[in-house]
Amino acid sequence: MGKLMKLLRKAFLLLLVTTPLLAFASGGEVKLESAPINPNDRISLQRGARTFVNYCMGCHSAAYMRYSRLTDLGLTEQQIKENLVLTGSKVGDTMTIAMQKGNAKEWFGAAPPDLSVIARSRGADWLYTYLRTFYKDDSRPTGWNNLAFDKVGMPHVLWQLQGIQVLKASEKENAHGHNKASSPALELVTPGQLSPKDYDLLVADLVNYLAYMGEPAKAARTQLGIIVLFFLTFMFALLLLLKQEYWKDVK
C-alpha cells in the first residue's frame, strides 16, 4: 500500500510539472476553424462525394466504403455508376484505387493514407482547416506547405480551385502596445477558379462527406438514440406514477 501511494504521488508531481510544458508546446499550433458540416444535408454529402471521387481518389482510397452505400444519400445505383464510378469498378465494390502502395511510397516518399476513417482520426475541424491552409513554399519538394500540417508531403490538389496563397507574418500588440510574437497568416496572391466563399463551401462539403464515410450510420443511430431517450423518459414517468399509486395507502 505504501509503494502504491508513493507511485501515485510521483505521478501527480510529474503531471504538475509536465502540464505547463505541454500547454506551452501546443501554443504554436494553428487555431482550428469550426467545420460547418451537417450529416443530415444529403445535397452537401452528394457534392462532397463528387469532390472526393474527382480530386482525392487519384491517390487516396476508401477501402472500407462501398459505392453502393451512397444510395443512403438519395442516389440511385445508376447515378452512382454514371457519375461517381470513374474506373472499371462495380457499384458493389469498395472505393479502392489502382495505385500500388510500393509505387506510391517510391513516388511520394510515403504511401497516401486510406481516407475511410480519416475524419474520426483527425477530426472534422482539423480537416476543414487543413484543406484551407495550403500555401506556396518553394523549399518543399512539392512546392507546397500547410499551416495545420507543417512540412506536409501532400501537394495542394485543389490549388486551381482555391488559388495560390503565401505565408506572411502578422505582428500582434500586447496590452502595453508593444509588438509581440508574430502569428502566421495567409494571403491569397493568385485567385482560383472559385471565390474564397465558394471554395470554403466546397471544402465543407468534402469534409462533410469524409465525416459521413467514417461513420455512415451515425445519423440513423443518433435519431434512434433520441427515440430511445424519449421512450425511457416516458417509462420513467409511468413507473413513478405507478409507484405513487401503489404506495399511497401504505403508511
C-alpha atoms as a PDB file:
ATOM      1  CA  MET A   1       0.000   0.000   0.000  1.00  0.00           C
ATOM      2  CA  GLY A   2       2.879   2.328   0.841  1.00  0.00           C
ATOM      3  CA  LYS A   3       4.568   1.709  -2.523  1.00  0.00           C
ATOM      4  CA  LEU A   4       1.302   2.389  -4.359  1.00  0.00           C
ATOM      5  CA  MET A   5       0.881   5.729  -2.576  1.00  0.00           C
ATOM      6  CA  LYS A   6       4.457   6.697  -3.477  1.00  0.00           C
ATOM      7  CA  LEU A   7       3.844   5.863  -7.147  1.00  0.00           C
ATOM      8  CA  LEU A   8       0.626   7.897  -7.178  1.00  0.00           C
ATOM      9  CA  ARG A   9       2.412  10.816  -5.528  1.00  0.00           C
ATOM     10  CA  LYS A  10       5.189  10.714  -8.128  1.00  0.00           C
ATOM     11  CA  ALA A  11       2.679  10.510 -10.976  1.00  0.00           C
ATOM     12  CA  PHE A  12       0.807  13.525  -9.585  1.00  0.00           C
ATOM     13  CA  LEU A  13       4.001  15.556  -9.292  1.00  0.00           C
ATOM     14  CA  LEU A  14       5.020  14.570 -12.824  1.00  0.00           C
ATOM     15  CA  LEU A  15       1.626  15.725 -14.101  1.00  0.00           C
ATOM     16  CA  LEU A  16       2.024  19.089 -12.345  1.00  0.00           C
ATOM     17  CA  VAL A  17       5.439  19.584 -13.931  1.00  0.00           C
ATOM     18  CA  THR A  18       4.583  18.492 -17.474  1.00  0.00           C
ATOM     19  CA  THR A  19       1.177  20.156 -17.855  1.00  0.00           C
ATOM     20  CA  PRO A  20       2.598  23.703 -18.275  1.00  0.00           C
ATOM     21  CA  LEU A  21       5.178  22.361 -20.725  1.00  0.00           C
ATOM     22  CA  LEU A  22       2.501  20.682 -22.798  1.00  0.00           C
ATOM     23  CA  ALA A  23       0.429  23.841 -22.805  1.00  0.00           C
ATOM     24  CA  PHE A  24       3.447  25.852 -23.913  1.00  0.00           C
ATOM     25  CA  ALA A  25       4.269  23.365 -26.653  1.00  0.00           C
ATOM     26  CA  SER A  26       0.738  23.470 -28.017  1.00  0.00           C
ATOM     27  CA  GLY A  27       0.657  27.261 -28.069  1.00  0.00           C
ATOM     28  CA  GLY A  28       2.260  27.454 -31.504  1.00  0.00           C
ATOM     29  CA  GLU A  29      -0.322  25.244 -33.190  1.00  0.00           C
ATOM     30  CA  VAL A  30      -2.696  26.765 -35.701  1.00  0.00           C
ATOM     31  CA  LYS A  31      -6.169  27.553 -34.421  1.00  0.00           C
ATOM     32  CA  LEU A  32      -8.661  25.119 -35.904  1.00  0.00           C
ATOM     33  CA  GLU A  33     -11.668  26.541 -37.708  1.00  0.00           C
ATOM     34  CA  SER A  34     -15.046  25.015 -36.902  1.00  0.00           C
ATOM     35  CA  ALA A  35     -16.203  22.844 -39.811  1.00  0.00           C
ATOM     36  CA  PRO A  36     -19.729  23.893 -40.893  1.00  0.00           C
ATOM     37  CA  ILE A  37     -20.907  20.368 -41.650  1.00  0.00           C
ATOM     38  CA  ASN A  38     -24.343  18.806 -41.421  1.00  0.00           C
ATOM     39  CA  PRO A  39     -24.627  14.996 -41.632  1.00  0.00           C
ATOM     40  CA  ASN A  40     -28.323  15.319 -42.492  1.00  0.00           C
ATOM     41  CA  ASP A  41     -27.697  17.511 -45.560  1.00  0.00           C
ATOM     42  CA  ARG A  42     -27.837  14.958 -48.379  1.00  0.00           C
ATOM     43  CA  ILE A  43     -27.117  17.511 -51.107  1.00  0.00           C
ATOM     44  CA  SER A  44     -23.930  18.576 -49.312  1.00  0.00           C
ATOM     45  CA  LEU A  45     -22.912  14.925 -48.911  1.00  0.00           C
ATOM     46  CA  GLN A  46     -23.540  14.259 -52.593  1.00  0.00           C
ATOM     47  CA  ARG A  47     -21.375  17.245 -53.583  1.00  0.00           C
ATOM     48  CA  GLY A  48     -18.695  16.062 -51.153  1.00  0.00           C
ATOM     49  CA  ALA A  49     -18.727  12.569 -52.655  1.00  0.00           C
ATOM     50  CA  ARG A  50     -18.277  14.062 -56.124  1.00  0.00           C
ATOM     51  CA  THR A  51     -15.302  16.146 -54.952  1.00  0.00           C
ATOM     52  CA  PHE A  52     -13.783  13.146 -53.197  1.00  0.00           C
ATOM     53  CA  VAL A  53     -14.015  10.956 -56.298  1.00  0.00           C
ATOM     54  CA  ASN A  54     -12.669  13.621 -58.658  1.00  0.00           C
ATOM     55  CA  TYR A  55      -9.846  15.083 -56.558  1.00  0.00           C
ATOM     56  CA  CYS A  56      -8.923  12.644 -53.768  1.00  0.00           C
ATOM     57  CA  MET A  57      -9.213   9.187 -55.283  1.00  0.00           C
ATOM     58  CA  GLY A  58      -6.312   9.778 -57.637  1.00  0.00           C
ATOM     59  CA  CYS A  59      -4.045   8.904 -54.705  1.00  0.00           C
ATOM     60  CA  HIS A  60      -6.257   8.015 -51.724  1.00  0.00           C
ATOM     61  CA  SER A  61      -8.541   5.030 -51.361  1.00  0.00           C
ATOM     62  CA  ALA A  62     -11.513   4.445 -49.074  1.00  0.00           C
ATOM     63  CA  ALA A  63     -11.207   0.697 -48.740  1.00  0.00           C
ATOM     64  CA  TYR A  64     -13.874   0.397 -46.016  1.00  0.00           C
ATOM     65  CA  MET A  65     -16.542   2.203 -48.034  1.00  0.00           C
ATOM     66  CA  ARG A  66     -18.601   0.752 -50.879  1.00  0.00           C
ATOM     67  CA  TYR A  67     -20.021   2.787 -53.731  1.00  0.00           C
ATOM     68  CA  SER A  68     -23.401   1.169 -53.094  1.00  0.00           C
ATOM     69  CA  ARG A  69     -23.544   2.807 -49.651  1.00  0.00           C
ATOM     70  CA  LEU A  70     -24.074   6.117 -51.442  1.00  0.00           C
ATOM     71  CA  THR A  71     -27.663   5.064 -52.094  1.00  0.00           C
ATOM     72  CA  ASP A  72     -28.226   6.161 -48.476  1.00  0.00           C
ATOM     73  CA  LEU A  73     -27.606   9.714 -49.704  1.00  0.00           C
ATOM     74  CA  GLY A  74     -30.528   9.568 -52.122  1.00  0.00           C
ATOM     75  CA  LEU A  75     -28.591   8.461 -55.195  1.00  0.00           C
ATOM     76  CA  THR A  76     -29.645   5.570 -57.405  1.00  0.00           C
ATOM     77  CA  GLU A  77     -27.182   2.881 -58.435  1.00  0.00           C
ATOM     78  CA  GLN A  78     -27.391   4.183 -61.999  1.00  0.00           C
ATOM     79  CA  GLN A  79     -26.469   7.711 -60.866  1.00  0.00           C
ATOM     80  CA  ILE A  80     -23.558   6.335 -58.858  1.00  0.00           C
ATOM     81  CA  LYS A  81     -22.312   4.293 -61.805  1.00  0.00           C
ATOM     82  CA  GLU A  82     -22.560   7.184 -64.270  1.00  0.00           C
ATOM     83  CA  ASN A  83     -21.196   9.989 -62.072  1.00  0.00           C
ATOM     84  CA  LEU A  84     -19.029   8.555 -59.310  1.00  0.00           C
ATOM     85  CA  VAL A  85     -17.510   5.290 -60.546  1.00  0.00           C
ATOM     86  CA  LEU A  86     -14.707   6.566 -62.760  1.00  0.00           C
ATOM     87  CA  THR A  87     -12.910   3.230 -63.122  1.00  0.00           C
ATOM     88  CA  GLY A  88     -13.988  -0.247 -64.120  1.00  0.00           C
ATOM     89  CA  SER A  89     -15.290  -0.946 -60.625  1.00  0.00           C
ATOM     90  CA  LYS A  90     -18.812  -2.128 -59.938  1.00  0.00           C
ATOM     91  CA  VAL A  91     -21.278  -0.306 -57.715  1.00  0.00           C
ATOM     92  CA  GLY A  92     -20.929  -3.001 -55.068  1.00  0.00           C
ATOM     93  CA  ASP A  93     -17.117  -2.688 -54.919  1.00  0.00           C
ATOM     94  CA  THR A  94     -15.136  -0.799 -52.309  1.00  0.00           C
ATOM     95  CA  MET A  95     -13.676   2.608 -53.182  1.00  0.00           C
ATOM     96  CA  THR A  96     -10.127   1.442 -53.884  1.00  0.00           C
ATOM     97  CA  ILE A  97      -7.574   2.782 -56.360  1.00  0.00           C
ATOM     98  CA  ALA A  98      -5.212   1.143 -58.808  1.00  0.00           C
ATOM     99  CA  MET A  99      -2.051   2.712 -57.363  1.00  0.00           C
ATOM    100  CA  GLN A 100       0.137   0.198 -55.544  1.00  0.00           C
ATOM    101  CA  LYS A 101       1.499   1.132 -52.116  1.00  0.00           C
ATOM    102  CA  GLY A 102       5.059   0.347 -53.197  1.00  0.00           C
ATOM    103  CA  ASN A 103       4.853   2.704 -56.158  1.00  0.00           C
ATOM    104  CA  ALA A 104       3.176   5.386 -54.056  1.00  0.00           C
ATOM    105  CA  LYS A 105       5.938   5.209 -51.463  1.00  0.00           C
ATOM    106  CA  GLU A 106       8.589   5.468 -54.176  1.00  0.00           C
ATOM    107  CA  TRP A 107       6.903   8.447 -55.842  1.00  0.00           C
ATOM    108  CA  PHE A 108       5.770  10.402 -52.776  1.00  0.00           C
ATOM    109  CA  GLY A 109       8.105   9.161 -50.040  1.00  0.00           C
ATOM    110  CA  ALA A 110       5.164   7.630 -48.177  1.00  0.00           C
ATOM    111  CA  ALA A 111       2.007   5.881 -49.309  1.00  0.00           C
ATOM    112  CA  PRO A 112      -1.034   8.204 -49.156  1.00  0.00           C
ATOM    113  CA  PRO A 113      -3.270   7.027 -46.295  1.00  0.00           C
ATOM    114  CA  ASP A 114      -6.659   5.440 -46.762  1.00  0.00           C
ATOM    115  CA  LEU A 115      -9.355   8.028 -46.009  1.00  0.00           C
ATOM    116  CA  SER A 116     -12.153   5.753 -44.823  1.00  0.00           C
ATOM    117  CA  VAL A 117     -11.884   6.893 -41.202  1.00  0.00           C
ATOM    118  CA  ILE A 118      -9.658   9.968 -41.519  1.00  0.00           C
ATOM    119  CA  ALA A 119     -12.388  12.199 -40.058  1.00  0.00           C
ATOM    120  CA  ARG A 120     -12.607  10.011 -36.960  1.00  0.00           C
ATOM    121  CA  SER A 121      -8.828  10.031 -36.653  1.00  0.00           C
ATOM    122  CA  ARG A 122      -8.121  13.719 -37.262  1.00  0.00           C
ATOM    123  CA  GLY A 123     -11.474  15.352 -36.613  1.00  0.00           C
ATOM    124  CA  ALA A 124     -13.662  17.391 -38.942  1.00  0.00           C
ATOM    125  CA  ASP A 125     -12.306  20.747 -37.716  1.00  0.00           C
ATOM    126  CA  TRP A 126      -8.722  19.683 -38.422  1.00  0.00           C
ATOM    127  CA  LEU A 127      -9.603  18.504 -41.942  1.00  0.00           C
ATOM    128  CA  TYR A 128     -11.512  21.715 -42.686  1.00  0.00           C
ATOM    129  CA  THR A 129      -8.579  23.823 -41.513  1.00  0.00           C
ATOM    130  CA  TYR A 130      -6.014  21.644 -43.285  1.00  0.00           C
ATOM    131  CA  LEU A 131      -7.716  21.802 -46.687  1.00  0.00           C
ATOM    132  CA  ARG A 132      -7.933  25.609 -46.475  1.00  0.00           C
ATOM    133  CA  THR A 133      -4.410  26.431 -45.268  1.00  0.00           C
ATOM    134  CA  PHE A 134      -2.090  25.231 -48.015  1.00  0.00           C
ATOM    135  CA  TYR A 135       0.441  27.852 -49.093  1.00  0.00           C
ATOM    136  CA  LYS A 136       3.236  28.109 -51.641  1.00  0.00           C
ATOM    137  CA  ASP A 137       6.622  27.043 -50.285  1.00  0.00           C
ATOM    138  CA  ASP A 138       9.414  26.567 -52.810  1.00  0.00           C
ATOM    139  CA  SER A 139      11.621  24.916 -50.186  1.00  0.00           C
ATOM    140  CA  ARG A 140       9.345  21.867 -50.137  1.00  0.00           C
ATOM    141  CA  PRO A 141       9.675  19.068 -52.740  1.00  0.00           C
ATOM    142  CA  THR A 142       6.061  19.517 -53.848  1.00  0.00           C
ATOM    143  CA  GLY A 143       6.217  23.310 -53.703  1.00  0.00           C
ATOM    144  CA  TRP A 144       3.521  23.418 -51.011  1.00  0.00           C
ATOM    145  CA  ASN A 145       3.303  23.549 -47.233  1.00  0.00           C
ATOM    146  CA  ASN A 146       0.453  23.716 -44.765  1.00  0.00           C
ATOM    147  CA  LEU A 147      -0.274  25.601 -41.546  1.00  0.00           C
ATOM    148  CA  ALA A 148      -2.096  22.677 -39.930  1.00  0.00           C
ATOM    149  CA  PHE A 149       0.496  20.104 -41.049  1.00  0.00           C
ATOM    150  CA  ASP A 150       3.964  21.610 -41.243  1.00  0.00           C
ATOM    151  CA  LYS A 151       6.265  20.085 -43.895  1.00  0.00           C
ATOM    152  CA  VAL A 152       3.377  18.138 -45.361  1.00  0.00           C
ATOM    153  CA  GLY A 153       4.269  15.734 -48.159  1.00  0.00           C
ATOM    154  CA  MET A 154       0.948  16.050 -49.956  1.00  0.00           C
ATOM    155  CA  PRO A 155       0.691  18.614 -52.770  1.00  0.00           C
ATOM    156  CA  HIS A 156      -2.242  21.012 -52.883  1.00  0.00           C
ATOM    157  CA  VAL A 157      -4.508  19.164 -55.311  1.00  0.00           C
ATOM    158  CA  LEU A 158      -7.213  21.819 -55.028  1.00  0.00           C
ATOM    159  CA  TRP A 159      -4.958  24.788 -55.794  1.00  0.00           C
ATOM    160  CA  GLN A 160      -6.608  25.532 -59.130  1.00  0.00           C
ATOM    161  CA  LEU A 161      -9.921  25.924 -57.321  1.00  0.00           C
ATOM    162  CA  GLN A 162      -8.601  27.884 -54.342  1.00  0.00           C
ATOM    163  CA  GLY A 163      -5.739  29.776 -55.971  1.00  0.00           C
ATOM    164  CA  ILE A 164      -2.259  30.360 -54.575  1.00  0.00           C
ATOM    165  CA  GLN A 165      -1.726  31.510 -51.002  1.00  0.00           C
ATOM    166  CA  VAL A 166       1.549  32.717 -49.498  1.00  0.00           C
ATOM    167  CA  LEU A 167       2.624  32.852 -45.895  1.00  0.00           C
ATOM    168  CA  LYS A 168       3.064  36.212 -44.210  1.00  0.00           C
ATOM    169  CA  ALA A 169       3.764  37.135 -40.604  1.00  0.00           C
ATOM    170  CA  SER A 170       1.329  39.373 -38.765  1.00  0.00           C
ATOM    171  CA  GLU A 171       2.502  41.013 -35.572  1.00  0.00           C
ATOM    172  CA  LYS A 172       0.147  41.388 -32.624  1.00  0.00           C
ATOM    173  CA  GLU A 173       0.322  44.016 -29.933  1.00  0.00           C
ATOM    174  CA  ASN A 174       0.089  43.248 -26.259  1.00  0.00           C
ATOM    175  CA  ALA A 175      -1.799  45.288 -23.658  1.00  0.00           C
ATOM    176  CA  HIS A 176       1.056  47.836 -23.468  1.00  0.00           C
ATOM    177  CA  GLY A 177       1.063  48.470 -27.208  1.00  0.00           C
ATOM    178  CA  HIS A 178       4.337  46.633 -27.849  1.00  0.00           C
ATOM    179  CA  ASN A 179       4.724  44.110 -30.645  1.00  0.00           C
ATOM    180  CA  LYS A 180       4.961  40.519 -29.537  1.00  0.00           C
ATOM    181  CA  ALA A 181       5.367  37.145 -31.241  1.00  0.00           C
ATOM    182  CA  SER A 182       4.208  37.012 -34.839  1.00  0.00           C
ATOM    183  CA  SER A 183       1.409  34.655 -35.818  1.00  0.00           C
ATOM    184  CA  PRO A 184       1.240  33.037 -39.260  1.00  0.00           C
ATOM    185  CA  ALA A 185      -1.306  34.334 -41.738  1.00  0.00           C
ATOM    186  CA  LEU A 186      -2.072  33.507 -45.336  1.00  0.00           C
ATOM    187  CA  GLU A 187      -2.611  35.879 -48.228  1.00  0.00           C
ATOM    188  CA  LEU A 188      -4.284  34.928 -51.496  1.00  0.00           C
ATOM    189  CA  VAL A 189      -1.990  36.274 -54.226  1.00  0.00           C
ATOM    190  CA  THR A 190      -3.431  34.403 -57.218  1.00  0.00           C
ATOM    191  CA  PRO A 191      -7.209  33.873 -57.276  1.00  0.00           C
ATOM    192  CA  GLY A 192      -8.505  30.433 -58.181  1.00  0.00           C
ATOM    193  CA  GLN A 193     -11.462  29.259 -60.199  1.00  0.00           C
ATOM    194  CA  LEU A 194     -13.693  29.626 -57.133  1.00  0.00           C
ATOM    195  CA  SER A 195     -14.218  32.601 -54.885  1.00  0.00           C
ATOM    196  CA  PRO A 196     -12.972  32.148 -51.277  1.00  0.00           C
ATOM    197  CA  LYS A 197     -16.573  31.717 -50.118  1.00  0.00           C
ATOM    198  CA  ASP A 198     -17.336  29.059 -52.754  1.00  0.00           C
ATOM    199  CA  TYR A 199     -14.062  27.260 -52.039  1.00  0.00           C
ATOM    200  CA  ASP A 200     -14.864  27.125 -48.322  1.00  0.00           C
ATOM    201  CA  LEU A 201     -18.257  25.659 -49.226  1.00  0.00           C
ATOM    202  CA  LEU A 202     -16.612  23.004 -51.417  1.00  0.00           C
ATOM    203  CA  VAL A 203     -14.233  22.061 -48.587  1.00  0.00           C
ATOM    204  CA  ALA A 204     -17.116  21.941 -46.103  1.00  0.00           C
ATOM    205  CA  ASP A 205     -18.986  19.544 -48.403  1.00  0.00           C
ATOM    206  CA  LEU A 206     -15.889  17.372 -48.787  1.00  0.00           C
ATOM    207  CA  VAL A 207     -15.279  17.256 -45.025  1.00  0.00           C
ATOM    208  CA  ASN A 208     -18.972  16.516 -44.504  1.00  0.00           C
ATOM    209  CA  TYR A 209     -18.622  13.505 -46.786  1.00  0.00           C
ATOM    210  CA  LEU A 210     -15.387  12.353 -45.117  1.00  0.00           C
ATOM    211  CA  ALA A 211     -17.124  12.524 -41.732  1.00  0.00           C
ATOM    212  CA  TYR A 212     -20.087  10.576 -43.123  1.00  0.00           C
ATOM    213  CA  MET A 213     -17.786   7.974 -44.664  1.00  0.00           C
ATOM    214  CA  GLY A 214     -16.096   7.346 -41.320  1.00  0.00           C
ATOM    215  CA  GLU A 215     -19.450   6.545 -39.702  1.00  0.00           C
ATOM    216  CA  PRO A 216     -22.280   6.195 -42.264  1.00  0.00           C
ATOM    217  CA  ALA A 217     -24.850   5.067 -39.683  1.00  0.00           C
ATOM    218  CA  LYS A 218     -24.249   7.990 -37.311  1.00  0.00           C
ATOM    219  CA  ALA A 219     -27.330   9.991 -38.335  1.00  0.00           C
ATOM    220  CA  ALA A 220     -29.623   6.976 -38.056  1.00  0.00           C
ATOM    221  CA  ARG A 221     -28.055   5.961 -34.742  1.00  0.00           C
ATOM    222  CA  THR A 222     -28.455   9.477 -33.352  1.00  0.00           C
ATOM    223  CA  GLN A 223     -32.110   9.559 -34.384  1.00  0.00           C
ATOM    224  CA  LEU A 224     -32.687   6.158 -32.808  1.00  0.00           C
ATOM    225  CA  GLY A 225     -30.932   7.327 -29.633  1.00  0.00           C
ATOM    226  CA  ILE A 226     -33.312  10.291 -29.323  1.00  0.00           C
ATOM    227  CA  ILE A 227     -36.315   7.986 -29.717  1.00  0.00           C
ATOM    228  CA  VAL A 228     -34.932   5.656 -27.025  1.00  0.00           C
ATOM    229  CA  LEU A 229     -34.379   8.573 -24.627  1.00  0.00           C
ATOM    230  CA  PHE A 230     -37.967   9.761 -25.109  1.00  0.00           C
ATOM    231  CA  PHE A 231     -39.198   6.205 -24.513  1.00  0.00           C
ATOM    232  CA  LEU A 232     -37.134   5.855 -21.326  1.00  0.00           C
ATOM    233  CA  THR A 233     -38.382   9.229 -20.084  1.00  0.00           C
ATOM    234  CA  PHE A 234     -41.984   8.182 -20.711  1.00  0.00           C
ATOM    235  CA  MET A 235     -41.458   4.837 -18.960  1.00  0.00           C
ATOM    236  CA  PHE A 236     -39.785   6.544 -16.002  1.00  0.00           C
ATOM    237  CA  ALA A 237     -42.743   8.905 -15.589  1.00  0.00           C
ATOM    238  CA  LEU A 238     -45.185   5.989 -15.910  1.00  0.00           C
ATOM    239  CA  LEU A 239     -43.332   3.902 -13.316  1.00  0.00           C
ATOM    240  CA  LEU A 240     -43.129   6.878 -10.964  1.00  0.00           C
ATOM    241  CA  LEU A 241     -46.907   7.333 -11.133  1.00  0.00           C
ATOM    242  CA  LEU A 242     -47.364   3.586 -10.658  1.00  0.00           C
ATOM    243  CA  LYS A 243     -45.137   3.661  -7.580  1.00  0.00           C
ATOM    244  CA  GLN A 244     -47.071   6.544  -6.068  1.00  0.00           C
ATOM    245  CA  GLU A 245     -50.376   4.762  -6.719  1.00  0.00           C
ATOM    246  CA  TYR A 246     -49.086   1.507  -5.239  1.00  0.00           C
ATOM    247  CA  TRP A 247     -47.690   3.055  -2.051  1.00  0.00           C
ATOM    248  CA  LYS A 248     -50.336   5.692  -1.388  1.00  0.00           C
ATOM    249  CA  ASP A 249     -52.201   3.517   1.132  1.00  0.00           C
ATOM    250  CA  VAL A 250     -49.032   2.306   2.843  1.00  0.00           C
ATOM    251  CA  LYS A 251     -48.222   4.293   5.969  1.00  0.00           C
END
